[in-house]
């Protein structure tokens, strides 16, 4: 194998890795808009193929179709199905608009077959994440309605493996009377920011013990908006949604 051939092979692998990286970044930064996300991915995909100057892409998921710029169907095509929970929900297609030398799969490389499989798998993962987020948003709205009129002050937040930080997703109106914060003031803040500094280990303990079947109701000192401490009876209830664990911190003076 001559040096030029090795160099070309290396350049192709770098292009493929860069395409995978850019696709993963688009998915990570996505806010769940399916059409916009697929459009950005479709624009990136031709850059990973051997002849990007004559390459176009089309991605269809359900009734949403996204294409690369100046899209046309060509004589030569690679395609791969997109699945969600084992069910086919879409298809990714890569076209060449002109003839090129014969390779492993028409003018396409074997590595490009592997690449389109990997890209379709990443879109499948994005669809799973999007579905879980929509489910979480739906349940969260239900909890907001359910606990909005409760007698206790309630904070709703997502747990993570380290229990730190714990960002508040929702709290009911009773938090204003208890701590002097309006509901929107606390949204997005770390739960620990309203817990007395010497009380954080106690909250972590309450969270850990909430994973058992024992009822937990312990005293916890919180910090009001004005900096004053207030003693409360606190309990935590955990809820699992798909792969995510949520918690309700219920507070009573």
C-alpha atoms as a PDB file:
ATOM      1  CA  UNK A   1       0.000   0.000   0.000  1.00  0.00           C
ATOM      2  CA  UNK A   2       1.645   3.274  -1.127  1.00  0.00           C
ATOM      3  CA  UNK A   3       2.025   6.318   1.102  1.00  0.00           C
ATOM      4  CA  UNK A   4      -0.553   8.394  -0.820  1.00  0.00           C
ATOM      5  CA  UNK A   5      -3.193   5.678  -0.417  1.00  0.00           C
ATOM      6  CA  UNK A   6      -2.555   5.464   3.336  1.00  0.00           C
ATOM      7  CA  UNK A   7      -2.796   9.247   3.581  1.00  0.00           C
ATOM      8  CA  UNK A   8      -6.136   9.284   1.712  1.00  0.00           C
ATOM      9  CA  UNK A   9      -7.521   6.526   3.950  1.00  0.00           C
ATOM     10  CA  UNK A  10      -6.488   8.501   7.014  1.00  0.00           C
ATOM     11  CA  UNK A  11      -8.134  11.672   5.671  1.00  0.00           C
ATOM     12  CA  UNK A  12     -11.390   9.769   5.100  1.00  0.00           C
ATOM     13  CA  UNK A  13     -11.387   8.374   8.646  1.00  0.00           C
ATOM     14  CA  UNK A  14     -10.796  11.872  10.049  1.00  0.00           C
ATOM     15  CA  UNK A  15     -13.756  13.186   8.009  1.00  0.00           C
ATOM     16  CA  UNK A  16     -15.972  10.394   9.326  1.00  0.00           C
ATOM     17  CA  UNK A  17     -14.965  10.989  12.946  1.00  0.00           C
ATOM     18  CA  UNK A  18     -15.552  14.718  12.524  1.00  0.00           C
ATOM     19  CA  UNK A  19     -19.038  14.039  11.112  1.00  0.00           C
ATOM     20  CA  UNK A  20     -19.881  11.811  14.090  1.00  0.00           C
ATOM     21  CA  UNK A  21     -18.575  14.458  16.498  1.00  0.00           C
ATOM     22  CA  UNK A  22     -20.550  17.271  14.885  1.00  0.00           C
ATOM     23  CA  UNK A  23     -23.711  15.151  14.819  1.00  0.00           C
ATOM     24  CA  UNK A  24     -23.329  14.284  18.504  1.00  0.00           C
ATOM     25  CA  UNK A  25     -22.818  17.973  19.312  1.00  0.00           C
ATOM     26  CA  UNK A  26     -25.996  18.925  17.428  1.00  0.00           C
ATOM     27  CA  UNK A  27     -27.955  16.307  19.375  1.00  0.00           C
ATOM     28  CA  UNK A  28     -26.463  17.415  22.699  1.00  0.00           C
ATOM     29  CA  UNK A  29     -27.376  21.047  22.013  1.00  0.00           C
ATOM     30  CA  UNK A  30     -30.845  20.226  20.678  1.00  0.00           C
ATOM     31  CA  UNK A  31     -33.833  21.615  22.550  1.00  0.00           C
ATOM     32  CA  UNK A  32     -36.066  18.862  21.219  1.00  0.00           C
ATOM     33  CA  UNK A  33     -37.167  20.495  17.950  1.00  0.00           C
ATOM     34  CA  UNK A  34     -37.191  17.457  15.644  1.00  0.00           C
ATOM     35  CA  UNK A  35     -37.274  19.281  12.310  1.00  0.00           C
ATOM     36  CA  UNK A  36     -34.540  21.763  13.235  1.00  0.00           C
ATOM     37  CA  UNK A  37     -32.297  19.044  14.649  1.00  0.00           C
ATOM     38  CA  UNK A  38     -32.673  16.756  11.636  1.00  0.00           C
ATOM     39  CA  UNK A  39     -32.028  19.694   9.298  1.00  0.00           C
ATOM     40  CA  UNK A  40     -28.747  20.511  11.027  1.00  0.00           C
ATOM     41  CA  UNK A  41     -27.678  16.863  10.923  1.00  0.00           C
ATOM     42  CA  UNK A  42     -28.606  16.558   7.215  1.00  0.00           C
ATOM     43  CA  UNK A  43     -26.370  19.543   6.453  1.00  0.00           C
ATOM     44  CA  UNK A  44     -23.421  17.929   8.227  1.00  0.00           C
ATOM     45  CA  UNK A  45     -23.662  14.386   6.832  1.00  0.00           C
ATOM     46  CA  UNK A  46     -22.358  14.978   3.252  1.00  0.00           C
ATOM     47  CA  UNK A  47     -19.066  16.249   4.691  1.00  0.00           C
ATOM     48  CA  UNK A  48     -18.314  12.754   5.975  1.00  0.00           C
ATOM     49  CA  UNK A  49     -18.532  11.052   2.584  1.00  0.00           C
ATOM     50  CA  UNK A  50     -15.700  10.573   0.114  1.00  0.00           C
ATOM     51  CA  UNK A  51     -17.137  13.012  -2.455  1.00  0.00           C
ATOM     52  CA  UNK A  52     -18.930  15.748  -0.465  1.00  0.00           C
ATOM     53  CA  UNK A  53     -19.137  18.039  -3.496  1.00  0.00           C
ATOM     54  CA  UNK A  54     -21.706  15.740  -5.158  1.00  0.00           C
ATOM     55  CA  UNK A  55     -23.284  14.347  -1.979  1.00  0.00           C
ATOM     56  CA  UNK A  56     -26.757  15.154  -0.619  1.00  0.00           C
ATOM     57  CA  UNK A  57     -28.726  13.804   2.323  1.00  0.00           C
ATOM     58  CA  UNK A  58     -32.350  13.284   3.290  1.00  0.00           C
ATOM     59  CA  UNK A  59     -33.598  12.233   6.733  1.00  0.00           C
ATOM     60  CA  UNK A  60     -37.227  11.365   7.344  1.00  0.00           C
ATOM     61  CA  UNK A  61     -38.755  10.596  10.737  1.00  0.00           C
ATOM     62  CA  UNK A  62     -42.515  10.044  10.860  1.00  0.00           C
ATOM     63  CA  UNK A  63     -43.944  12.961   8.861  1.00  0.00           C
ATOM     64  CA  UNK A  64     -40.868  15.207   9.268  1.00  0.00           C
ATOM     65  CA  UNK A  65     -38.421  15.343   6.358  1.00  0.00           C
ATOM     66  CA  UNK A  66     -35.148  17.269   6.403  1.00  0.00           C
ATOM     67  CA  UNK A  67     -32.649  17.622   3.560  1.00  0.00           C
ATOM     68  CA  UNK A  68     -29.214  19.085   2.983  1.00  0.00           C
ATOM     69  CA  UNK A  69     -28.769  22.248   0.944  1.00  0.00           C
ATOM     70  CA  UNK A  70     -29.481  22.018  -2.809  1.00  0.00           C
ATOM     71  CA  UNK A  71     -30.910  18.565  -2.275  1.00  0.00           C
ATOM     72  CA  UNK A  72     -31.520  16.249  -5.217  1.00  0.00           C
ATOM     73  CA  UNK A  73     -31.913  12.517  -5.504  1.00  0.00           C
ATOM     74  CA  UNK A  74     -29.049  10.887  -7.350  1.00  0.00           C
ATOM     75  CA  UNK A  75     -28.488   7.643  -9.206  1.00  0.00           C
ATOM     76  CA  UNK A  76     -26.366   6.237  -6.389  1.00  0.00           C
ATOM     77  CA  UNK A  77     -27.808   5.873  -2.902  1.00  0.00           C
ATOM     78  CA  UNK A  78     -26.942   4.526   0.519  1.00  0.00           C
ATOM     79  CA  UNK A  79     -29.736   4.272   3.071  1.00  0.00           C
ATOM     80  CA  UNK A  80     -30.362   3.051   6.593  1.00  0.00           C
ATOM     81  CA  UNK A  81     -33.562   2.708   8.625  1.00  0.00           C
ATOM     82  CA  UNK A  82     -34.076   4.613  11.877  1.00  0.00           C
ATOM     83  CA  UNK A  83     -35.695   2.766  14.760  1.00  0.00           C
ATOM     84  CA  UNK A  84     -37.346   3.759  18.031  1.00  0.00           C
ATOM     85  CA  UNK A  85     -37.894   0.951  20.556  1.00  0.00           C
ATOM     86  CA  UNK A  86     -37.477  -1.620  17.785  1.00  0.00           C
ATOM     87  CA  UNK A  87     -40.048   0.001  15.487  1.00  0.00           C
ATOM     88  CA  UNK A  88     -39.026   1.595  12.199  1.00  0.00           C
ATOM     89  CA  UNK A  89     -39.874   5.307  12.365  1.00  0.00           C
ATOM     90  CA  UNK A  90     -37.714   6.780   9.623  1.00  0.00           C
ATOM     91  CA  UNK A  91     -34.898   6.520   7.135  1.00  0.00           C
ATOM     92  CA  UNK A  92     -31.605   8.231   6.362  1.00  0.00           C
ATOM     93  CA  UNK A  93     -30.521   8.451   2.702  1.00  0.00           C
ATOM     94  CA  UNK A  94     -27.245   9.635   1.204  1.00  0.00           C
ATOM     95  CA  UNK A  95     -27.061  10.281  -2.568  1.00  0.00           C
ATOM     96  CA  UNK A  96     -24.294  10.875  -5.079  1.00  0.00           C
ATOM     97  CA  UNK A  97     -25.391  13.128  -7.931  1.00  0.00           C
ATOM     98  CA  UNK A  98     -22.749  11.882 -10.412  1.00  0.00           C
ATOM     99  CA  UNK A  99     -20.850   8.702 -11.181  1.00  0.00           C
ATOM    100  CA  UNK A 100     -17.671   7.940  -9.311  1.00  0.00           C
ATOM    101  CA  UNK A 101     -15.260   4.967  -9.470  1.00  0.00           C
ATOM    102  CA  UNK A 102     -16.601   1.598  -8.317  1.00  0.00           C
ATOM    103  CA  UNK A 103     -15.813   0.797  -4.707  1.00  0.00           C
ATOM    104  CA  UNK A 104     -17.226  -1.515  -1.994  1.00  0.00           C
ATOM    105  CA  UNK A 105     -20.907  -0.596  -2.462  1.00  0.00           C
ATOM    106  CA  UNK A 106     -21.281   1.041  -5.853  1.00  0.00           C
ATOM    107  CA  UNK A 107     -19.196   4.197  -5.469  1.00  0.00           C
ATOM    108  CA  UNK A 108     -19.550   4.059  -1.669  1.00  0.00           C
ATOM    109  CA  UNK A 109     -16.924   2.807   0.762  1.00  0.00           C
ATOM    110  CA  UNK A 110     -17.534   0.054   3.305  1.00  0.00           C
ATOM    111  CA  UNK A 111     -16.568   2.584   5.969  1.00  0.00           C
ATOM    112  CA  UNK A 112     -19.394   4.838   4.734  1.00  0.00           C
ATOM    113  CA  UNK A 113     -21.857   1.986   5.261  1.00  0.00           C
ATOM    114  CA  UNK A 114     -20.603   1.716   8.841  1.00  0.00           C
ATOM    115  CA  UNK A 115     -20.860   5.483   9.187  1.00  0.00           C
ATOM    116  CA  UNK A 116     -24.483   5.698   8.050  1.00  0.00           C
ATOM    117  CA  UNK A 117     -25.385   2.876  10.462  1.00  0.00           C
ATOM    118  CA  UNK A 118     -23.732   4.744  13.333  1.00  0.00           C
ATOM    119  CA  UNK A 119     -25.418   8.023  12.388  1.00  0.00           C
ATOM    120  CA  UNK A 120     -28.864   6.415  12.224  1.00  0.00           C
ATOM    121  CA  UNK A 121     -28.221   4.874  15.664  1.00  0.00           C
ATOM    122  CA  UNK A 122     -27.378   8.308  17.056  1.00  0.00           C
ATOM    123  CA  UNK A 123     -30.605   9.738  15.672  1.00  0.00           C
ATOM    124  CA  UNK A 124     -32.455   6.837  17.320  1.00  0.00           C
ATOM    125  CA  UNK A 125     -30.841   7.764  20.644  1.00  0.00           C
ATOM    126  CA  UNK A 126     -31.886  11.392  20.119  1.00  0.00           C
ATOM    127  CA  UNK A 127     -35.475  10.249  19.548  1.00  0.00           C
ATOM    128  CA  UNK A 128     -35.392   8.255  22.803  1.00  0.00           C
ATOM    129  CA  UNK A 129     -34.078  11.255  24.731  1.00  0.00           C
ATOM    130  CA  UNK A 130     -36.684  13.514  23.120  1.00  0.00           C
ATOM    131  CA  UNK A 131     -39.477  11.087  23.985  1.00  0.00           C
ATOM    132  CA  UNK A 132     -38.291  10.858  27.609  1.00  0.00           C
ATOM    133  CA  UNK A 133     -38.127  14.651  27.878  1.00  0.00           C
ATOM    134  CA  UNK A 134     -41.648  15.020  26.517  1.00  0.00           C
ATOM    135  CA  UNK A 135     -42.864  12.416  29.004  1.00  0.00           C
ATOM    136  CA  UNK A 136     -41.068  14.228  31.803  1.00  0.00           C
ATOM    137  CA  UNK A 137     -42.560  17.585  30.790  1.00  0.00           C
ATOM    138  CA  UNK A 138     -46.046  16.057  30.706  1.00  0.00           C
ATOM    139  CA  UNK A 139     -45.680  14.485  34.143  1.00  0.00           C
ATOM    140  CA  UNK A 140     -44.133  17.650  35.525  1.00  0.00           C
ATOM    141  CA  UNK A 141     -47.144  19.684  34.392  1.00  0.00           C
ATOM    142  CA  UNK A 142     -49.384  17.125  36.102  1.00  0.00           C
ATOM    143  CA  UNK A 143     -47.399  17.489  39.309  1.00  0.00           C
ATOM    144  CA  UNK A 144     -47.539  21.265  39.092  1.00  0.00           C
ATOM    145  CA  UNK A 145     -51.326  21.064  38.829  1.00  0.00           C
ATOM    146  CA  UNK A 146     -51.575  18.444  41.571  1.00  0.00           C
ATOM    147  CA  UNK A 147     -49.325  20.153  44.111  1.00  0.00           C
ATOM    148  CA  UNK A 148     -50.120  23.743  43.229  1.00  0.00           C
ATOM    149  CA  UNK A 149     -52.979  23.785  45.751  1.00  0.00           C
ATOM    150  CA  UNK A 150     -51.393  21.589  48.448  1.00  0.00           C
ATOM    151  CA  UNK A 151     -51.224  22.835  52.030  1.00  0.00           C
ATOM    152  CA  UNK A 152     -47.496  22.115  52.292  1.00  0.00           C
ATOM    153  CA  UNK A 153     -44.639  23.897  50.573  1.00  0.00           C
ATOM    154  CA  UNK A 154     -43.310  21.569  47.863  1.00  0.00           C
ATOM    155  CA  UNK A 155     -40.138  21.612  45.783  1.00  0.00           C
ATOM    156  CA  UNK A 156     -39.797  19.320  42.738  1.00  0.00           C
ATOM    157  CA  UNK A 157     -36.317  18.543  41.406  1.00  0.00           C
ATOM    158  CA  UNK A 158     -34.295  15.967  39.474  1.00  0.00           C
ATOM    159  CA  UNK A 159     -31.846  13.737  41.307  1.00  0.00           C
ATOM    160  CA  UNK A 160     -28.455  12.853  39.883  1.00  0.00           C
ATOM    161  CA  UNK A 161     -25.972  10.139  40.927  1.00  0.00           C
ATOM    162  CA  UNK A 162     -23.934  12.549  43.057  1.00  0.00           C
ATOM    163  CA  UNK A 163     -26.970  14.374  44.546  1.00  0.00           C
ATOM    164  CA  UNK A 164     -25.177  17.620  43.753  1.00  0.00           C
ATOM    165  CA  UNK A 165     -26.312  19.991  42.332  1.00  0.00           C
ATOM    166  CA  UNK A 166     -30.081  19.475  42.512  1.00  0.00           C
ATOM    167  CA  UNK A 167     -31.747  22.039  40.271  1.00  0.00           C
ATOM    168  CA  UNK A 168     -35.301  23.022  41.152  1.00  0.00           C
ATOM    169  CA  UNK A 169     -37.824  22.360  38.369  1.00  0.00           C
ATOM    170  CA  UNK A 170     -40.921  23.577  40.187  1.00  0.00           C
ATOM    171  CA  UNK A 171     -42.119  24.770  43.579  1.00  0.00           C
ATOM    172  CA  UNK A 172     -45.640  25.667  44.612  1.00  0.00           C
ATOM    173  CA  UNK A 173     -46.923  29.042  45.799  1.00  0.00           C
ATOM    174  CA  UNK A 174     -46.594  28.069  49.477  1.00  0.00           C
ATOM    175  CA  UNK A 175     -42.820  28.497  49.175  1.00  0.00           C
ATOM    176  CA  UNK A 176     -43.371  32.245  49.084  1.00  0.00           C
ATOM    177  CA  UNK A 177     -45.062  32.209  52.482  1.00  0.00           C
ATOM    178  CA  UNK A 178     -42.427  29.893  53.937  1.00  0.00           C
ATOM    179  CA  UNK A 179     -39.211  31.364  52.532  1.00  0.00           C
ATOM    180  CA  UNK A 180     -40.233  34.610  50.857  1.00  0.00           C
ATOM    181  CA  UNK A 181     -39.382  33.406  47.343  1.00  0.00           C
ATOM    182  CA  UNK A 182     -41.859  33.511  44.491  1.00  0.00           C
ATOM    183  CA  UNK A 183     -42.143  30.211  42.562  1.00  0.00           C
ATOM    184  CA  UNK A 184     -40.295  31.552  39.516  1.00  0.00           C
ATOM    185  CA  UNK A 185     -37.438  32.918  41.659  1.00  0.00           C
ATOM    186  CA  UNK A 186     -36.430  29.427  42.752  1.00  0.00           C
ATOM    187  CA  UNK A 187     -36.799  27.654  39.413  1.00  0.00           C
ATOM    188  CA  UNK A 188     -33.381  26.552  38.176  1.00  0.00           C
ATOM    189  CA  UNK A 189     -31.654  27.207  41.494  1.00  0.00           C
ATOM    190  CA  UNK A 190     -29.796  24.508  43.395  1.00  0.00           C
ATOM    191  CA  UNK A 191     -31.885  23.055  46.253  1.00  0.00           C
ATOM    192  CA  UNK A 192     -28.806  23.309  48.475  1.00  0.00           C
ATOM    193  CA  UNK A 193     -28.776  27.096  48.022  1.00  0.00           C
ATOM    194  CA  UNK A 194     -31.801  27.382  50.343  1.00  0.00           C
ATOM    195  CA  UNK A 195     -30.543  24.852  52.909  1.00  0.00           C
ATOM    196  CA  UNK A 196     -28.476  25.971  55.916  1.00  0.00           C
ATOM    197  CA  UNK A 197     -24.800  25.209  55.341  1.00  0.00           C
ATOM    198  CA  UNK A 198     -24.629  22.755  58.236  1.00  0.00           C
ATOM    199  CA  UNK A 199     -27.837  21.036  57.075  1.00  0.00           C
ATOM    200  CA  UNK A 200     -26.753  19.795  53.670  1.00  0.00           C
ATOM    201  CA  UNK A 201     -25.576  16.397  54.871  1.00  0.00           C
ATOM    202  CA  UNK A 202     -28.930  15.978  56.593  1.00  0.00           C
ATOM    203  CA  UNK A 203     -30.771  16.610  53.308  1.00  0.00           C
ATOM    204  CA  UNK A 204     -28.498  14.132  51.530  1.00  0.00           C
ATOM    205  CA  UNK A 205     -29.343  11.593  54.240  1.00  0.00           C
ATOM    206  CA  UNK A 206     -33.068  12.227  53.830  1.00  0.00           C
ATOM    207  CA  UNK A 207     -32.748  11.711  50.063  1.00  0.00           C
ATOM    208  CA  UNK A 208     -30.825   8.455  50.512  1.00  0.00           C
ATOM    209  CA  UNK A 209     -33.318   7.108  53.030  1.00  0.00           C
ATOM    210  CA  UNK A 210     -36.257   8.094  50.810  1.00  0.00           C
ATOM    211  CA  UNK A 211     -35.169   5.319  48.443  1.00  0.00           C
ATOM    212  CA  UNK A 212     -36.286   2.791  51.084  1.00  0.00           C
ATOM    213  CA  UNK A 213     -39.880   2.121  52.072  1.00  0.00           C
ATOM    214  CA  UNK A 214     -39.557   3.943  55.375  1.00  0.00           C
ATOM    215  CA  UNK A 215     -41.477   7.151  55.925  1.00  0.00           C
ATOM    216  CA  UNK A 216     -39.066  10.003  56.499  1.00  0.00           C
ATOM    217  CA  UNK A 217     -39.982  13.218  58.319  1.00  0.00           C
ATOM    218  CA  UNK A 218     -37.085  15.091  59.857  1.00  0.00           C
ATOM    219  CA  UNK A 219     -36.269  18.616  60.947  1.00  0.00           C
ATOM    220  CA  UNK A 220     -34.375  20.711  58.425  1.00  0.00           C
ATOM    221  CA  UNK A 221     -33.291  24.351  58.677  1.00  0.00           C
ATOM    222  CA  UNK A 222     -33.851  26.373  55.501  1.00  0.00           C
ATOM    223  CA  UNK A 223     -32.682  29.865  54.647  1.00  0.00           C
ATOM    224  CA  UNK A 224     -35.289  32.520  53.887  1.00  0.00           C
ATOM    225  CA  UNK A 225     -34.943  35.138  51.160  1.00  0.00           C
ATOM    226  CA  UNK A 226     -33.885  37.642  53.853  1.00  0.00           C
ATOM    227  CA  UNK A 227     -31.165  35.313  55.179  1.00  0.00           C
ATOM    228  CA  UNK A 228     -33.010  34.203  58.292  1.00  0.00           C
ATOM    229  CA  UNK A 229     -33.173  30.510  59.137  1.00  0.00           C
ATOM    230  CA  UNK A 230     -36.490  28.708  59.497  1.00  0.00           C
ATOM    231  CA  UNK A 231     -36.932  25.204  60.943  1.00  0.00           C
ATOM    232  CA  UNK A 232     -39.222  22.855  58.972  1.00  0.00           C
ATOM    233  CA  UNK A 233     -40.323  19.256  59.008  1.00  0.00           C
ATOM    234  CA  UNK A 234     -39.022  17.808  55.754  1.00  0.00           C
ATOM    235  CA  UNK A 235     -39.707  14.610  53.841  1.00  0.00           C
ATOM    236  CA  UNK A 236     -38.622  13.441  50.394  1.00  0.00           C
ATOM    237  CA  UNK A 237     -40.521  11.214  47.993  1.00  0.00           C
ATOM    238  CA  UNK A 238     -38.697   9.874  44.928  1.00  0.00           C
ATOM    239  CA  UNK A 239     -40.295   9.087  41.568  1.00  0.00           C
ATOM    240  CA  UNK A 240     -38.694   7.267  38.611  1.00  0.00           C
ATOM    241  CA  UNK A 241     -39.533   8.470  35.092  1.00  0.00           C
ATOM    242  CA  UNK A 242     -37.878   6.337  32.411  1.00  0.00           C
ATOM    243  CA  UNK A 243     -34.181   6.574  33.297  1.00  0.00           C
ATOM    244  CA  UNK A 244     -34.577   9.731  35.391  1.00  0.00           C
ATOM    245  CA  UNK A 245     -35.182   9.975  39.113  1.00  0.00           C
ATOM    246  CA  UNK A 246     -37.222  12.909  40.391  1.00  0.00           C
ATOM    247  CA  UNK A 247     -37.864  13.987  43.968  1.00  0.00           C
ATOM    248  CA  UNK A 248     -40.485  15.931  45.906  1.00  0.00           C
ATOM    249  CA  UNK A 249     -39.257  17.800  48.973  1.00  0.00           C
ATOM    250  CA  UNK A 250     -42.305  18.428  51.188  1.00  0.00           C
ATOM    251  CA  UNK A 251     -41.883  21.106  53.884  1.00  0.00           C
ATOM    252  CA  UNK A 252     -44.042  21.988  56.876  1.00  0.00           C
ATOM    253  CA  UNK A 253     -43.321  24.548  59.590  1.00  0.00           C
END
